């Protein structure tokens, strides 16, 4: 059963180890803190380093959040990819994990000013 979403959901940070791997125990701790203080879990958003995660890592983040929330609060997972096809495919995989909703923020493209490359 999908849970109703109300109030503000803040995007949680995706933690990494010193070696650059996902730190799932630390992610579980963040979910617990958010459950105690917020209205739900929003994983994989801009603060979640979504664009540097591979598909397996994105799924692991969403799965970990769903498991740790354990039905106590809604979980929203970001699924926006560069292409519509990839966004849809990832969304189908993430939905099977039991998230309550998905977020598909369009990719951000920033152009450089002429003569600036810093």
PDB file of N, CA and C in Angstrom:
ATOM      1  N   UNK A   1       0.837  -1.187   0.000  1.00  0.00           N
ATOM      2  CA  UNK A   1       0.000   0.000   0.000  1.00  0.00           C
ATOM      3  C   UNK A   1       0.876   1.243   0.000  1.00  0.00           C
ATOM      4  N   UNK A   2       0.570   2.177  -0.847  1.00  0.00           N
ATOM      5  CA  UNK A   2       1.315   3.427  -0.915  1.00  0.00           C
ATOM      6  C   UNK A   2       0.853   4.351   0.202  1.00  0.00           C
ATOM      7  N   UNK A   3       1.804   4.991   0.853  1.00  0.00           N
ATOM      8  CA  UNK A   3       1.502   5.926   1.937  1.00  0.00           C
ATOM      9  C   UNK A   3       1.269   7.325   1.377  1.00  0.00           C
ATOM     10  N   UNK A   4       0.381   8.066   2.032  1.00  0.00           N
ATOM     11  CA  UNK A   4       0.121   9.449   1.637  1.00  0.00           C
ATOM     12  C   UNK A   4       1.342  10.300   1.951  1.00  0.00           C
ATOM     13  N   UNK A   5       1.618  11.236   1.071  1.00  0.00           N
ATOM     14  CA  UNK A   5       2.752  12.142   1.258  1.00  0.00           C
ATOM     15  C   UNK A   5       2.201  13.506   1.628  1.00  0.00           C
ATOM     16  N   UNK A   6       2.690  14.054   2.730  1.00  0.00           N
ATOM     17  CA  UNK A   6       2.273  15.396   3.133  1.00  0.00           C
ATOM     18  C   UNK A   6       3.455  16.100   3.772  1.00  0.00           C
ATOM     19  N   UNK A   7       3.403  17.402   3.749  1.00  0.00           N
ATOM     20  CA  UNK A   7       4.491  18.180   4.327  1.00  0.00           C
ATOM     21  C   UNK A   7       5.702  18.219   3.408  1.00  0.00           C
ATOM     22  N   UNK A   8       6.798  18.657   3.964  1.00  0.00           N
ATOM     23  CA  UNK A   8       8.046  18.814   3.215  1.00  0.00           C
ATOM     24  C   UNK A   8       8.913  17.582   3.410  1.00  0.00           C
ATOM     25  N   UNK A   9       9.447  17.062   2.319  1.00  0.00           N
ATOM     26  CA  UNK A   9      10.424  15.984   2.379  1.00  0.00           C
ATOM     27  C   UNK A   9      11.760  16.561   1.941  1.00  0.00           C
ATOM     28  N   UNK A  10      12.745  16.472   2.791  1.00  0.00           N
ATOM     29  CA  UNK A  10      14.066  16.973   2.427  1.00  0.00           C
ATOM     30  C   UNK A  10      14.873  15.853   1.791  1.00  0.00           C
ATOM     31  N   UNK A  11      15.634  16.209   0.774  1.00  0.00           N
ATOM     32  CA  UNK A  11      16.477  15.216   0.103  1.00  0.00           C
ATOM     33  C   UNK A  11      17.651  14.855   1.001  1.00  0.00           C
ATOM     34  N   UNK A  12      17.834  13.554   1.216  1.00  0.00           N
ATOM     35  CA  UNK A  12      18.953  13.125   2.050  1.00  0.00           C
ATOM     36  C   UNK A  12      20.207  12.958   1.192  1.00  0.00           C
ATOM     37  N   UNK A  13      21.332  13.080   1.834  1.00  0.00           N
ATOM     38  CA  UNK A  13      22.629  12.928   1.171  1.00  0.00           C
ATOM     39  C   UNK A  13      22.938  11.445   1.040  1.00  0.00           C
ATOM     40  N   UNK A  14      23.559  11.061  -0.062  1.00  0.00           N
ATOM     41  CA  UNK A  14      24.024   9.684  -0.215  1.00  0.00           C
ATOM     42  C   UNK A  14      25.454   9.613   0.302  1.00  0.00           C
ATOM     43  N   UNK A  15      25.695   8.868   1.377  1.00  0.00           N
ATOM     44  CA  UNK A  15      27.045   8.803   1.941  1.00  0.00           C
ATOM     45  C   UNK A  15      27.940   7.802   1.198  1.00  0.00           C
ATOM     46  N   UNK A  16      29.228   8.122   1.173  1.00  0.00           N
ATOM     47  CA  UNK A  16      30.231   7.267   0.544  1.00  0.00           C
ATOM     48  C   UNK A  16      31.343   6.968   1.537  1.00  0.00           C
ATOM     49  N   UNK A  17      32.044   5.871   1.298  1.00  0.00           N
ATOM     50  CA  UNK A  17      33.224   5.554   2.096  1.00  0.00           C
ATOM     51  C   UNK A  17      34.393   6.387   1.584  1.00  0.00           C
ATOM     52  N   UNK A  18      35.505   6.345   2.292  1.00  0.00           N
ATOM     53  CA  UNK A  18      36.715   7.062   1.855  1.00  0.00           C
ATOM     54  C   UNK A  18      37.196   6.550   0.498  1.00  0.00           C
ATOM     55  N   UNK A  19      36.850   5.306   0.174  1.00  0.00           N
ATOM     56  CA  UNK A  19      37.260   4.719  -1.107  1.00  0.00           C
ATOM     57  C   UNK A  19      36.286   5.043  -2.239  1.00  0.00           C
ATOM     58  N   UNK A  20      35.189   5.705  -1.928  1.00  0.00           N
ATOM     59  CA  UNK A  20      34.223   6.105  -2.949  1.00  0.00           C
ATOM     60  C   UNK A  20      33.069   5.142  -3.162  1.00  0.00           C
ATOM     61  N   UNK A  21      32.969   4.110  -2.331  1.00  0.00           N
ATOM     62  CA  UNK A  21      31.852   3.165  -2.436  1.00  0.00           C
ATOM     63  C   UNK A  21      30.660   3.689  -1.638  1.00  0.00           C
ATOM     64  N   UNK A  22      29.465   3.222  -1.987  1.00  0.00           N
ATOM     65  CA  UNK A  22      28.287   3.574  -1.193  1.00  0.00           C
ATOM     66  C   UNK A  22      28.494   3.112   0.240  1.00  0.00           C
ATOM     67  N   UNK A  23      28.073   3.952   1.178  1.00  0.00           N
ATOM     68  CA  UNK A  23      28.151   3.595   2.595  1.00  0.00           C
ATOM     69  C   UNK A  23      26.718   3.337   3.067  1.00  0.00           C
ATOM     70  N   UNK A  24      26.249   2.123   2.836  1.00  0.00           N
ATOM     71  CA  UNK A  24      24.855   1.801   3.143  1.00  0.00           C
ATOM     72  C   UNK A  24      24.550   1.819   4.638  1.00  0.00           C
ATOM     73  N   UNK A  25      25.472   1.410   5.527  1.00  0.00           N
ATOM     74  CA  UNK A  25      25.179   1.561   6.959  1.00  0.00           C
ATOM     75  C   UNK A  25      24.956   3.029   7.353  1.00  0.00           C
ATOM     76  N   UNK A  26      25.748   3.938   6.794  1.00  0.00           N
ATOM     77  CA  UNK A  26      25.564   5.365   7.082  1.00  0.00           C
ATOM     78  C   UNK A  26      24.254   5.867   6.480  1.00  0.00           C
ATOM     79  N   UNK A  27      23.870   5.343   5.319  1.00  0.00           N
ATOM     80  CA  UNK A  27      22.593   5.716   4.714  1.00  0.00           C
ATOM     81  C   UNK A  27      21.438   5.274   5.614  1.00  0.00           C
ATOM     82  N   UNK A  28      21.531   4.084   6.160  1.00  0.00           N
ATOM     83  CA  UNK A  28      20.493   3.604   7.080  1.00  0.00           C
ATOM     84  C   UNK A  28      20.373   4.537   8.292  1.00  0.00           C
ATOM     85  N   UNK A  29      21.505   5.015   8.796  1.00  0.00           N
ATOM     86  CA  UNK A  29      21.480   5.955   9.922  1.00  0.00           C
ATOM     87  C   UNK A  29      20.787   7.251   9.524  1.00  0.00           C
ATOM     88  N   UNK A  30      21.055   7.735   8.311  1.00  0.00           N
ATOM     89  CA  UNK A  30      20.395   8.960   7.846  1.00  0.00           C
ATOM     90  C   UNK A  30      18.885   8.762   7.743  1.00  0.00           C
ATOM     91  N   UNK A  31      18.473   7.612   7.248  1.00  0.00           N
ATOM     92  CA  UNK A  31      17.039   7.331   7.153  1.00  0.00           C
ATOM     93  C   UNK A  31      16.418   7.360   8.544  1.00  0.00           C
ATOM     94  N   UNK A  32      17.077   6.764   9.520  1.00  0.00           N
ATOM     95  CA  UNK A  32      16.553   6.767  10.891  1.00  0.00           C
ATOM     96  C   UNK A  32      16.431   8.192  11.437  1.00  0.00           C
ATOM     97  N   UNK A  33      17.437   9.027  11.186  1.00  0.00           N
ATOM     98  CA  UNK A  33      17.369  10.434  11.633  1.00  0.00           C
ATOM     99  C   UNK A  33      16.214  11.161  10.960  1.00  0.00           C
ATOM    100  N   UNK A  34      16.044  10.906   9.676  1.00  0.00           N
ATOM    101  CA  UNK A  34      14.962  11.569   8.943  1.00  0.00           C
ATOM    102  C   UNK A  34      13.593  11.081   9.421  1.00  0.00           C
ATOM    103  N   UNK A  35      13.489   9.818   9.727  1.00  0.00           N
ATOM    104  CA  UNK A  35      12.221   9.292  10.248  1.00  0.00           C
ATOM    105  C   UNK A  35      11.857   9.962  11.564  1.00  0.00           C
ATOM    106  N   UNK A  36      12.855  10.243  12.377  1.00  0.00           N
ATOM    107  CA  UNK A  36      12.612  10.873  13.678  1.00  0.00           C
ATOM    108  C   UNK A  36      12.260  12.348  13.549  1.00  0.00           C
ATOM    109  N   UNK A  37      12.706  12.994  12.469  1.00  0.00           N
ATOM    110  CA  UNK A  37      12.575  14.444  12.381  1.00  0.00           C
ATOM    111  C   UNK A  37      11.706  14.944  11.233  1.00  0.00           C
ATOM    112  N   UNK A  38      11.370  14.080  10.278  1.00  0.00           N
ATOM    113  CA  UNK A  38      10.712  14.590   9.079  1.00  0.00           C
ATOM    114  C   UNK A  38       9.415  13.890   8.748  1.00  0.00           C
ATOM    115  N   UNK A  39       8.977  14.116   7.504  1.00  0.00           N
ATOM    116  CA  UNK A  39       7.703  13.594   7.019  1.00  0.00           C
ATOM    117  C   UNK A  39       7.860  12.395   6.098  1.00  0.00           C
ATOM    118  N   UNK A  40       9.085  12.070   5.747  1.00  0.00           N
ATOM    119  CA  UNK A  40       9.328  10.975   4.816  1.00  0.00           C
ATOM    120  C   UNK A  40      10.759  11.022   4.327  1.00  0.00           C
ATOM    121  N   UNK A  41      11.068  10.152   3.381  1.00  0.00           N
ATOM    122  CA  UNK A  41      12.418  10.016   2.849  1.00  0.00           C
ATOM    123  C   UNK A  41      12.398  10.372   1.368  1.00  0.00           C
ATOM    124  N   UNK A  42      13.295  11.266   0.951  1.00  0.00           N
ATOM    125  CA  UNK A  42      13.486  11.567  -0.471  1.00  0.00           C
ATOM    126  C   UNK A  42      14.927  11.208  -0.791  1.00  0.00           C
ATOM    127  N   UNK A  43      15.109  10.109  -1.505  1.00  0.00           N
ATOM    128  CA  UNK A  43      16.471   9.644  -1.789  1.00  0.00           C
ATOM    129  C   UNK A  43      16.827   9.835  -3.254  1.00  0.00           C
ATOM    130  N   UNK A  44      18.114   9.975  -3.486  1.00  0.00           N
ATOM    131  CA  UNK A  44      18.623  10.057  -4.839  1.00  0.00           C
ATOM    132  C   UNK A  44      18.410  11.383  -5.535  1.00  0.00           C
ATOM    133  N   UNK A  45      17.996  12.396  -4.834  1.00  0.00           N
ATOM    134  CA  UNK A  45      17.809  13.707  -5.456  1.00  0.00           C
ATOM    135  C   UNK A  45      19.138  14.415  -5.664  1.00  0.00           C
ATOM    136  N   UNK A  46      19.091  15.693  -5.862  1.00  0.00           N
ATOM    137  CA  UNK A  46      20.293  16.476  -6.119  1.00  0.00           C
ATOM    138  C   UNK A  46      21.313  16.319  -5.003  1.00  0.00           C
ATOM    139  N   UNK A  47      20.859  16.324  -3.762  1.00  0.00           N
ATOM    140  CA  UNK A  47      21.767  16.117  -2.632  1.00  0.00           C
ATOM    141  C   UNK A  47      22.245  14.679  -2.547  1.00  0.00           C
ATOM    142  N   UNK A  48      21.602  13.788  -3.254  1.00  0.00           N
ATOM    143  CA  UNK A  48      21.923  12.372  -3.184  1.00  0.00           C
ATOM    144  C   UNK A  48      22.951  11.910  -4.191  1.00  0.00           C
ATOM    145  N   UNK A  49      23.644  12.842  -4.841  1.00  0.00           N
ATOM    146  CA  UNK A  49      24.693  12.492  -5.804  1.00  0.00           C
ATOM    147  C   UNK A  49      24.171  11.593  -6.927  1.00  0.00           C
ATOM    148  N   UNK A  50      22.918  11.773  -7.299  1.00  0.00           N
ATOM    149  CA  UNK A  50      22.272  10.877  -8.254  1.00  0.00           C
ATOM    150  C   UNK A  50      23.025  10.763  -9.575  1.00  0.00           C
ATOM    151  N   UNK A  51      23.550  11.861 -10.063  1.00  0.00           N
ATOM    152  CA  UNK A  51      24.160  11.841 -11.391  1.00  0.00           C
ATOM    153  C   UNK A  51      25.531  11.183 -11.420  1.00  0.00           C
ATOM    154  N   UNK A  52      26.101  10.870 -10.266  1.00  0.00           N
ATOM    155  CA  UNK A  52      27.386  10.163 -10.253  1.00  0.00           C
ATOM    156  C   UNK A  52      27.219   8.690  -9.899  1.00  0.00           C
ATOM    157  N   UNK A  53      26.004   8.275  -9.584  1.00  0.00           N
ATOM    158  CA  UNK A  53      25.751   6.877  -9.243  1.00  0.00           C
ATOM    159  C   UNK A  53      25.429   6.070 -10.496  1.00  0.00           C
ATOM    160  N   UNK A  54      25.916   4.830 -10.534  1.00  0.00           N
ATOM    161  CA  UNK A  54      25.509   3.962 -11.635  1.00  0.00           C
ATOM    162  C   UNK A  54      24.145   3.352 -11.295  1.00  0.00           C
ATOM    163  N   UNK A  55      23.577   2.631 -12.234  1.00  0.00           N
ATOM    164  CA  UNK A  55      22.224   2.099 -12.050  1.00  0.00           C
ATOM    165  C   UNK A  55      22.132   1.179 -10.832  1.00  0.00           C
ATOM    166  N   UNK A  56      23.093   0.305 -10.666  1.00  0.00           N
ATOM    167  CA  UNK A  56      23.095  -0.614  -9.525  1.00  0.00           C
ATOM    168  C   UNK A  56      23.113   0.153  -8.200  1.00  0.00           C
ATOM    169  N   UNK A  57      23.894   1.227  -8.144  1.00  0.00           N
ATOM    170  CA  UNK A  57      23.966   2.030  -6.923  1.00  0.00           C
ATOM    171  C   UNK A  57      22.652   2.772  -6.664  1.00  0.00           C
ATOM    172  N   UNK A  58      22.027   3.294  -7.716  1.00  0.00           N
ATOM    173  CA  UNK A  58      20.743   3.992  -7.566  1.00  0.00           C
ATOM    174  C   UNK A  58      19.688   3.055  -6.995  1.00  0.00           C
ATOM    175  N   UNK A  59      19.677   1.835  -7.494  1.00  0.00           N
ATOM    176  CA  UNK A  59      18.726   0.844  -7.001  1.00  0.00           C
ATOM    177  C   UNK A  59      19.052   0.475  -5.559  1.00  0.00           C
ATOM    178  N   UNK A  60      20.326   0.333  -5.235  1.00  0.00           N
ATOM    179  CA  UNK A  60      20.733  -0.004  -3.864  1.00  0.00           C
ATOM    180  C   UNK A  60      20.321   1.088  -2.883  1.00  0.00           C
ATOM    181  N   UNK A  61      20.450   2.348  -3.288  1.00  0.00           N
ATOM    182  CA  UNK A  61      20.049   3.461  -2.416  1.00  0.00           C
ATOM    183  C   UNK A  61      18.547   3.401  -2.150  1.00  0.00           C
ATOM    184  N   UNK A  62      17.759   3.253  -3.204  1.00  0.00           N
ATOM    185  CA  UNK A  62      16.301   3.202  -3.030  1.00  0.00           C
ATOM    186  C   UNK A  62      15.897   1.988  -2.198  1.00  0.00           C
ATOM    187  N   UNK A  63      16.487   0.839  -2.496  1.00  0.00           N
ATOM    188  CA  UNK A  63      16.156  -0.383  -1.741  1.00  0.00           C
ATOM    189  C   UNK A  63      16.481  -0.204  -0.259  1.00  0.00           C
ATOM    190  N   UNK A  64      17.634   0.355   0.037  1.00  0.00           N
ATOM    191  CA  UNK A  64      18.044   0.566   1.428  1.00  0.00           C
ATOM    192  C   UNK A  64      17.072   1.493   2.144  1.00  0.00           C
ATOM    193  N   UNK A  65      16.656   2.557   1.476  1.00  0.00           N
ATOM    194  CA  UNK A  65      15.721   3.503   2.101  1.00  0.00           C
ATOM    195  C   UNK A  65      14.365   2.863   2.356  1.00  0.00           C
ATOM    196  N   UNK A  66      13.867   2.085   1.398  1.00  0.00           N
ATOM    197  CA  UNK A  66      12.582   1.397   1.574  1.00  0.00           C
ATOM    198  C   UNK A  66      12.676   0.400   2.722  1.00  0.00           C
ATOM    199  N   UNK A  67      13.748  -0.377   2.747  1.00  0.00           N
ATOM    200  CA  UNK A  67      13.915  -1.369   3.816  1.00  0.00           C
ATOM    201  C   UNK A  67      14.008  -0.701   5.183  1.00  0.00           C
ATOM    202  N   UNK A  68      14.794   0.361   5.267  1.00  0.00           N
ATOM    203  CA  UNK A  68      15.007   1.004   6.567  1.00  0.00           C
ATOM    204  C   UNK A  68      13.763   1.755   7.035  1.00  0.00           C
ATOM    205  N   UNK A  69      13.038   2.372   6.108  1.00  0.00           N
ATOM    206  CA  UNK A  69      11.803   3.068   6.488  1.00  0.00           C
ATOM    207  C   UNK A  69      10.748   2.066   6.956  1.00  0.00           C
ATOM    208  N   UNK A  70      10.761   0.886   6.391  1.00  0.00           N
ATOM    209  CA  UNK A  70       9.904  -0.225   6.821  1.00  0.00           C
ATOM    210  C   UNK A  70       8.430   0.171   6.980  1.00  0.00           C
ATOM    211  N   UNK A  71       7.941   0.994   6.047  1.00  0.00           N
ATOM    212  CA  UNK A  71       6.533   1.357   6.070  1.00  0.00           C
ATOM    213  C   UNK A  71       6.149   2.432   7.067  1.00  0.00           C
ATOM    214  N   UNK A  72       7.122   2.982   7.791  1.00  0.00           N
ATOM    215  CA  UNK A  72       6.804   3.996   8.812  1.00  0.00           C
ATOM    216  C   UNK A  72       6.607   5.385   8.224  1.00  0.00           C
ATOM    217  N   UNK A  73       7.082   5.602   7.012  1.00  0.00           N
ATOM    218  CA  UNK A  73       6.952   6.907   6.351  1.00  0.00           C
ATOM    219  C   UNK A  73       7.091   6.678   4.851  1.00  0.00           C
ATOM    220  N   UNK A  74       6.551   7.582   4.044  1.00  0.00           N
ATOM    221  CA  UNK A  74       6.683   7.421   2.600  1.00  0.00           C
ATOM    222  C   UNK A  74       8.129   7.601   2.141  1.00  0.00           C
ATOM    223  N   UNK A  75       8.472   6.872   1.079  1.00  0.00           N
ATOM    224  CA  UNK A  75       9.786   6.986   0.451  1.00  0.00           C
ATOM    225  C   UNK A  75       9.579   7.428  -0.990  1.00  0.00           C
ATOM    226  N   UNK A  76      10.249   8.519  -1.361  1.00  0.00           N
ATOM    227  CA  UNK A  76      10.236   9.032  -2.727  1.00  0.00           C
ATOM    228  C   UNK A  76      11.651   8.870  -3.268  1.00  0.00           C
ATOM    229  N   UNK A  77      11.778   8.317  -4.463  1.00  0.00           N
ATOM    230  CA  UNK A  77      13.090   8.108  -5.071  1.00  0.00           C
ATOM    231  C   UNK A  77      13.187   8.884  -6.377  1.00  0.00           C
ATOM    232  N   UNK A  78      14.306   9.548  -6.564  1.00  0.00           N
ATOM    233  CA  UNK A  78      14.544  10.272  -7.813  1.00  0.00           C
ATOM    234  C   UNK A  78      14.936   9.283  -8.901  1.00  0.00           C
ATOM    235  N   UNK A  79      14.362   9.434 -10.098  1.00  0.00           N
ATOM    236  CA  UNK A  79      14.647   8.521 -11.206  1.00  0.00           C
ATOM    237  C   UNK A  79      15.064   9.244 -12.482  1.00  0.00           C
ATOM    238  N   UNK A  80      15.193  10.563 -12.458  1.00  0.00           N
ATOM    239  CA  UNK A  80      15.483  11.323 -13.676  1.00  0.00           C
ATOM    240  C   UNK A  80      16.818  10.946 -14.288  1.00  0.00           C
ATOM    241  N   UNK A  81      16.807  10.616 -15.553  1.00  0.00           N
ATOM    242  CA  UNK A  81      18.009  10.298 -16.315  1.00  0.00           C
ATOM    243  C   UNK A  81      18.106  11.271 -17.491  1.00  0.00           C
ATOM    244  N   UNK A  82      19.148  11.133 -18.269  1.00  0.00           N
ATOM    245  CA  UNK A  82      19.325  12.016 -19.424  1.00  0.00           C
ATOM    246  C   UNK A  82      18.238  11.770 -20.474  1.00  0.00           C
ATOM    247  N   UNK A  83      17.864  10.510 -20.686  1.00  0.00           N
ATOM    248  CA  UNK A  83      16.847  10.208 -21.699  1.00  0.00           C
ATOM    249  C   UNK A  83      15.541   9.764 -21.047  1.00  0.00           C
ATOM    250  N   UNK A  84      14.458   9.998 -21.754  1.00  0.00           N
ATOM    251  CA  UNK A  84      13.150   9.555 -21.282  1.00  0.00           C
ATOM    252  C   UNK A  84      13.115   8.036 -21.169  1.00  0.00           C
ATOM    253  N   UNK A  85      13.703   7.347 -22.137  1.00  0.00           N
ATOM    254  CA  UNK A  85      13.716   5.885 -22.131  1.00  0.00           C
ATOM    255  C   UNK A  85      14.392   5.349 -20.869  1.00  0.00           C
ATOM    256  N   UNK A  86      15.557   5.903 -20.521  1.00  0.00           N
ATOM    257  CA  UNK A  86      16.279   5.445 -19.331  1.00  0.00           C
ATOM    258  C   UNK A  86      15.534   5.819 -18.049  1.00  0.00           C
ATOM    259  N   UNK A  87      14.921   6.986 -18.033  1.00  0.00           N
ATOM    260  CA  UNK A  87      14.133   7.395 -16.865  1.00  0.00           C
ATOM    261  C   UNK A  87      12.982   6.423 -16.644  1.00  0.00           C
ATOM    262  N   UNK A  88      12.305   6.085 -17.703  1.00  0.00           N
ATOM    263  CA  UNK A  88      11.166   5.157 -17.600  1.00  0.00           C
ATOM    264  C   UNK A  88      11.625   3.775 -17.135  1.00  0.00           C
ATOM    265  N   UNK A  89      12.706   3.289 -17.708  1.00  0.00           N
ATOM    266  CA  UNK A  89      13.217   1.967 -17.351  1.00  0.00           C
ATOM    267  C   UNK A  89      13.636   1.918 -15.884  1.00  0.00           C
ATOM    268  N   UNK A  90      14.378   2.939 -15.440  1.00  0.00           N
ATOM    269  CA  UNK A  90      14.795   2.980 -14.040  1.00  0.00           C
ATOM    270  C   UNK A  90      13.575   3.114 -13.127  1.00  0.00           C
ATOM    271  N   UNK A  91      12.617   3.916 -13.533  1.00  0.00           N
ATOM    272  CA  UNK A  91      11.404   4.090 -12.738  1.00  0.00           C
ATOM    273  C   UNK A  91      10.660   2.786 -12.521  1.00  0.00           C
ATOM    274  N   UNK A  92      10.612   1.957 -13.552  1.00  0.00           N
ATOM    275  CA  UNK A  92       9.946   0.661 -13.414  1.00  0.00           C
ATOM    276  C   UNK A  92      10.679  -0.226 -12.412  1.00  0.00           C
ATOM    277  N   UNK A  93      11.998  -0.201 -12.456  1.00  0.00           N
ATOM    278  CA  UNK A  93      12.781  -1.009 -11.511  1.00  0.00           C
ATOM    279  C   UNK A  93      12.622  -0.501 -10.079  1.00  0.00           C
ATOM    280  N   UNK A  94      12.687   0.812  -9.926  1.00  0.00           N
ATOM    281  CA  UNK A  94      12.572   1.420  -8.595  1.00  0.00           C
ATOM    282  C   UNK A  94      11.168   1.189  -8.022  1.00  0.00           C
ATOM    283  N   UNK A  95      10.145   1.266  -8.860  1.00  0.00           N
ATOM    284  CA  UNK A  95       8.768   1.068  -8.390  1.00  0.00           C
ATOM    285  C   UNK A  95       8.584  -0.320  -7.790  1.00  0.00           C
ATOM    286  N   UNK A  96       9.253  -1.315  -8.355  1.00  0.00           N
ATOM    287  CA  UNK A  96       9.136  -2.685  -7.835  1.00  0.00           C
ATOM    288  C   UNK A  96       9.724  -2.834  -6.432  1.00  0.00           C
ATOM    289  N   UNK A  97      10.530  -1.873  -6.010  1.00  0.00           N
ATOM    290  CA  UNK A  97      11.128  -1.934  -4.671  1.00  0.00           C
ATOM    291  C   UNK A  97      10.142  -1.531  -3.582  1.00  0.00           C
ATOM    292  N   UNK A  98       9.043  -0.871  -3.984  1.00  0.00           N
ATOM    293  CA  UNK A  98       8.036  -0.470  -3.003  1.00  0.00           C
ATOM    294  C   UNK A  98       8.087   0.984  -2.591  1.00  0.00           C
ATOM    295  N   UNK A  99       8.725   1.844  -3.412  1.00  0.00           N
ATOM    296  CA  UNK A  99       8.694   3.274  -3.094  1.00  0.00           C
ATOM    297  C   UNK A  99       7.256   3.768  -3.208  1.00  0.00           C
ATOM    298  N   UNK A 100       6.972   4.857  -2.537  1.00  0.00           N
ATOM    299  CA  UNK A 100       5.622   5.421  -2.559  1.00  0.00           C
ATOM    300  C   UNK A 100       5.409   6.374  -3.722  1.00  0.00           C
ATOM    301  N   UNK A 101       6.496   6.936  -4.226  1.00  0.00           N
ATOM    302  CA  UNK A 101       6.421   7.856  -5.363  1.00  0.00           C
ATOM    303  C   UNK A 101       7.816   7.994  -5.953  1.00  0.00           C
ATOM    304  N   UNK A 102       7.861   8.516  -7.168  1.00  0.00           N
ATOM    305  CA  UNK A 102       9.143   8.817  -7.797  1.00  0.00           C
ATOM    306  C   UNK A 102       9.182  10.295  -8.159  1.00  0.00           C
ATOM    307  N   UNK A 103      10.379  10.791  -8.302  1.00  0.00           N
ATOM    308  CA  UNK A 103      10.615  12.165  -8.724  1.00  0.00           C
ATOM    309  C   UNK A 103      11.474  12.097  -9.973  1.00  0.00           C
ATOM    310  N   UNK A 104      11.111  12.840 -10.989  1.00  0.00           N
ATOM    311  CA  UNK A 104      11.883  12.838 -12.230  1.00  0.00           C
ATOM    312  C   UNK A 104      12.253  14.268 -12.588  1.00  0.00           C
ATOM    313  N   UNK A 105      13.281  14.764 -11.946  1.00  0.00           N
ATOM    314  CA  UNK A 105      13.769  16.112 -12.227  1.00  0.00           C
ATOM    315  C   UNK A 105      14.556  16.059 -13.529  1.00  0.00           C
ATOM    316  N   UNK A 106      14.267  16.977 -14.423  1.00  0.00           N
ATOM    317  CA  UNK A 106      14.972  16.978 -15.700  1.00  0.00           C
ATOM    318  C   UNK A 106      16.446  17.283 -15.496  1.00  0.00           C
ATOM    319  N   UNK A 107      17.302  16.767 -16.384  1.00  0.00           N
ATOM    320  CA  UNK A 107      18.735  17.026 -16.255  1.00  0.00           C
ATOM    321  C   UNK A 107      19.038  18.521 -16.306  1.00  0.00           C
ATOM    322  N   UNK A 108      20.026  18.914 -15.551  1.00  0.00           N
ATOM    323  CA  UNK A 108      20.444  20.309 -15.504  1.00  0.00           C
ATOM    324  C   UNK A 108      21.608  20.498 -16.466  1.00  0.00           C
ATOM    325  N   UNK A 109      21.474  21.467 -17.346  1.00  0.00           N
ATOM    326  CA  UNK A 109      22.549  21.787 -18.271  1.00  0.00           C
ATOM    327  C   UNK A 109      22.949  23.228 -18.021  1.00  0.00           C
ATOM    328  N   UNK A 110      24.215  23.440 -17.761  1.00  0.00           N
ATOM    329  CA  UNK A 110      24.706  24.787 -17.493  1.00  0.00           C
ATOM    330  C   UNK A 110      25.732  25.143 -18.547  1.00  0.00           C
ATOM    331  N   UNK A 111      25.499  26.243 -19.223  1.00  0.00           N
ATOM    332  CA  UNK A 111      26.453  26.674 -20.238  1.00  0.00           C
ATOM    333  C   UNK A 111      27.491  27.585 -19.605  1.00  0.00           C
ATOM    334  N   UNK A 112      28.660  27.584 -20.176  1.00  0.00           N
ATOM    335  CA  UNK A 112      29.730  28.455 -19.699  1.00  0.00           C
ATOM    336  C   UNK A 112      29.641  29.806 -20.388  1.00  0.00           C
ATOM    337  N   UNK A 113      30.040  30.826 -19.669  1.00  0.00           N
ATOM    338  CA  UNK A 113      30.142  32.144 -20.287  1.00  0.00           C
ATOM    339  C   UNK A 113      31.322  32.119 -21.247  1.00  0.00           C
ATOM    340  N   UNK A 114      31.217  32.879 -22.310  1.00  0.00           N
ATOM    341  CA  UNK A 114      32.305  32.938 -23.283  1.00  0.00           C
ATOM    342  C   UNK A 114      33.605  33.331 -22.591  1.00  0.00           C
ATOM    343  N   UNK A 115      34.656  32.560 -22.837  1.00  0.00           N
ATOM    344  CA  UNK A 115      35.959  32.882 -22.273  1.00  0.00           C
ATOM    345  C   UNK A 115      36.201  32.355 -20.876  1.00  0.00           C
ATOM    346  N   UNK A 116      35.212  31.699 -20.263  1.00  0.00           N
ATOM    347  CA  UNK A 116      35.381  31.166 -18.899  1.00  0.00           C
ATOM    348  C   UNK A 116      35.349  29.647 -18.932  1.00  0.00           C
ATOM    349  N   UNK A 117      36.308  29.060 -18.298  1.00  0.00           N
ATOM    350  CA  UNK A 117      36.340  27.600 -18.214  1.00  0.00           C
ATOM    351  C   UNK A 117      36.661  27.146 -16.803  1.00  0.00           C
ATOM    352  N   UNK A 118      36.394  27.998 -15.802  1.00  0.00           N
ATOM    353  CA  UNK A 118      36.715  27.603 -14.432  1.00  0.00           C
ATOM    354  C   UNK A 118      35.539  27.181 -13.694  1.00  0.00           C
TER     355      UNK A 118
END
